[in-house]
Amino acid sequence: MSEARDVVEVIARALVDEPDAVEVTETDHRGVAVIELFVAPGDLGRVIGRMGRTASALRTLVGVAADYHDFDATLEIREPA
């Protein structure tokens, strides 16, 4: 797994009320690493933040980590099914 995935997992666990419910997966889709962040339904707002600022910051960190290690990545925030 990539360092970008690790960054998302550490930060998400620090943000939420239920860190044990955090799950981060990484798949490859057409040469781009797709990092999916799953959190408890009650923590979804904490991860997205006001007007999406926290989610935007997480996506920026994923992009920086991916650029540093010379690959493309994107972050998707999802609610568990």
Protein backbone atom coordinates (compact mmCIF):
# COMPACT_ATOMS: atom_id res chain seq x y z
CA MET A 1 0.00 0.00 0.00
CA SER A 2 1.07 3.56 -0.57
CA GLU A 3 2.17 6.29 1.78
CA ALA A 4 -0.84 8.37 0.69
CA ARG A 5 -3.14 5.67 2.07
CA ASP A 6 -1.25 5.68 5.36
CA VAL A 7 -1.55 9.48 5.63
CA VAL A 8 -5.32 9.30 5.14
CA GLU A 9 -5.71 6.55 7.73
CA VAL A 10 -3.69 8.33 10.43
CA ILE A 11 -5.45 11.67 9.95
CA ALA A 12 -8.93 10.15 9.70
CA ARG A 13 -8.45 8.15 12.92
CA ALA A 14 -7.42 11.38 14.67
CA LEU A 15 -10.49 13.27 13.43
CA VAL A 16 -13.33 10.85 14.17
CA ASP A 17 -15.09 9.81 17.36
CA GLU A 18 -14.98 6.11 16.38
CA PRO A 19 -11.43 5.43 15.13
CA ASP A 20 -12.01 1.67 15.06
CA ALA A 21 -14.68 2.15 12.38
CA VAL A 22 -12.22 3.83 9.99
CA GLU A 23 -11.33 1.69 6.99
CA VAL A 24 -9.09 2.78 4.13
CA THR A 25 -8.77 0.81 0.92
CA GLU A 26 -6.67 1.43 -2.16
CA THR A 27 -7.34 0.19 -5.67
CA ASP A 28 -5.86 0.99 -9.05
CA HIS A 29 -8.17 2.41 -11.71
CA ARG A 30 -6.58 3.21 -15.08
CA GLY A 31 -3.21 4.09 -13.56
CA VAL A 32 -4.64 6.20 -10.73
CA ALA A 33 -4.64 5.00 -7.14
CA VAL A 34 -8.16 5.40 -5.77
CA ILE A 35 -8.09 5.67 -1.99
CA GLU A 36 -11.48 5.09 -0.38
CA LEU A 37 -12.10 6.26 3.17
CA PHE A 38 -14.98 4.62 5.05
CA VAL A 39 -16.11 6.10 8.37
CA ALA A 40 -19.06 5.59 10.71
CA PRO A 41 -22.20 7.48 9.63
CA GLY A 42 -21.94 9.79 12.64
CA ASP A 43 -18.37 10.75 11.75
CA LEU A 44 -18.99 11.59 8.11
CA GLY A 45 -19.54 15.27 8.90
CA ARG A 46 -16.33 15.46 10.90
CA VAL A 47 -14.32 14.11 7.98
CA ILE A 48 -15.99 16.36 5.41
CA GLY A 49 -15.83 19.48 7.59
CA ARG A 50 -17.55 22.80 7.20
CA MET A 51 -18.16 23.54 3.55
CA GLY A 52 -15.90 20.59 2.67
CA ARG A 53 -12.71 22.20 3.96
CA THR A 54 -11.45 19.13 5.83
CA ALA A 55 -12.16 16.86 2.87
CA SER A 56 -10.39 19.31 0.59
CA ALA A 57 -7.37 19.37 2.90
CA LEU A 58 -7.28 15.55 2.97
CA ARG A 59 -7.40 15.45 -0.83
CA THR A 60 -4.57 17.97 -0.99
CA LEU A 61 -2.44 15.83 1.34
CA VAL A 62 -3.15 12.75 -0.77
CA GLY A 63 -2.07 14.64 -3.88
CA VAL A 64 1.13 15.88 -2.24
CA ALA A 65 2.04 12.41 -0.94
CA ALA A 66 1.32 10.88 -4.34
CA ASP A 67 3.39 13.52 -6.17
CA TYR A 68 6.27 13.02 -3.76
CA HIS A 69 6.31 9.29 -4.55
CA ASP A 70 5.68 9.87 -8.27
CA PHE A 71 2.19 8.45 -8.83
CA ASP A 72 -1.36 9.76 -9.20
CA ALA A 73 -3.99 9.32 -6.49
CA THR A 74 -7.47 10.49 -5.61
CA LEU A 75 -9.50 10.31 -2.41
CA GLU A 76 -13.12 9.20 -2.16
CA ILE A 77 -14.96 9.54 1.16
CA ARG A 78 -17.70 6.98 1.60
CA GLU A 79 -20.20 5.80 4.16
CA PRO A 80 -20.11 2.06 4.89
CA ALA A 81 -22.91 0.09 3.23
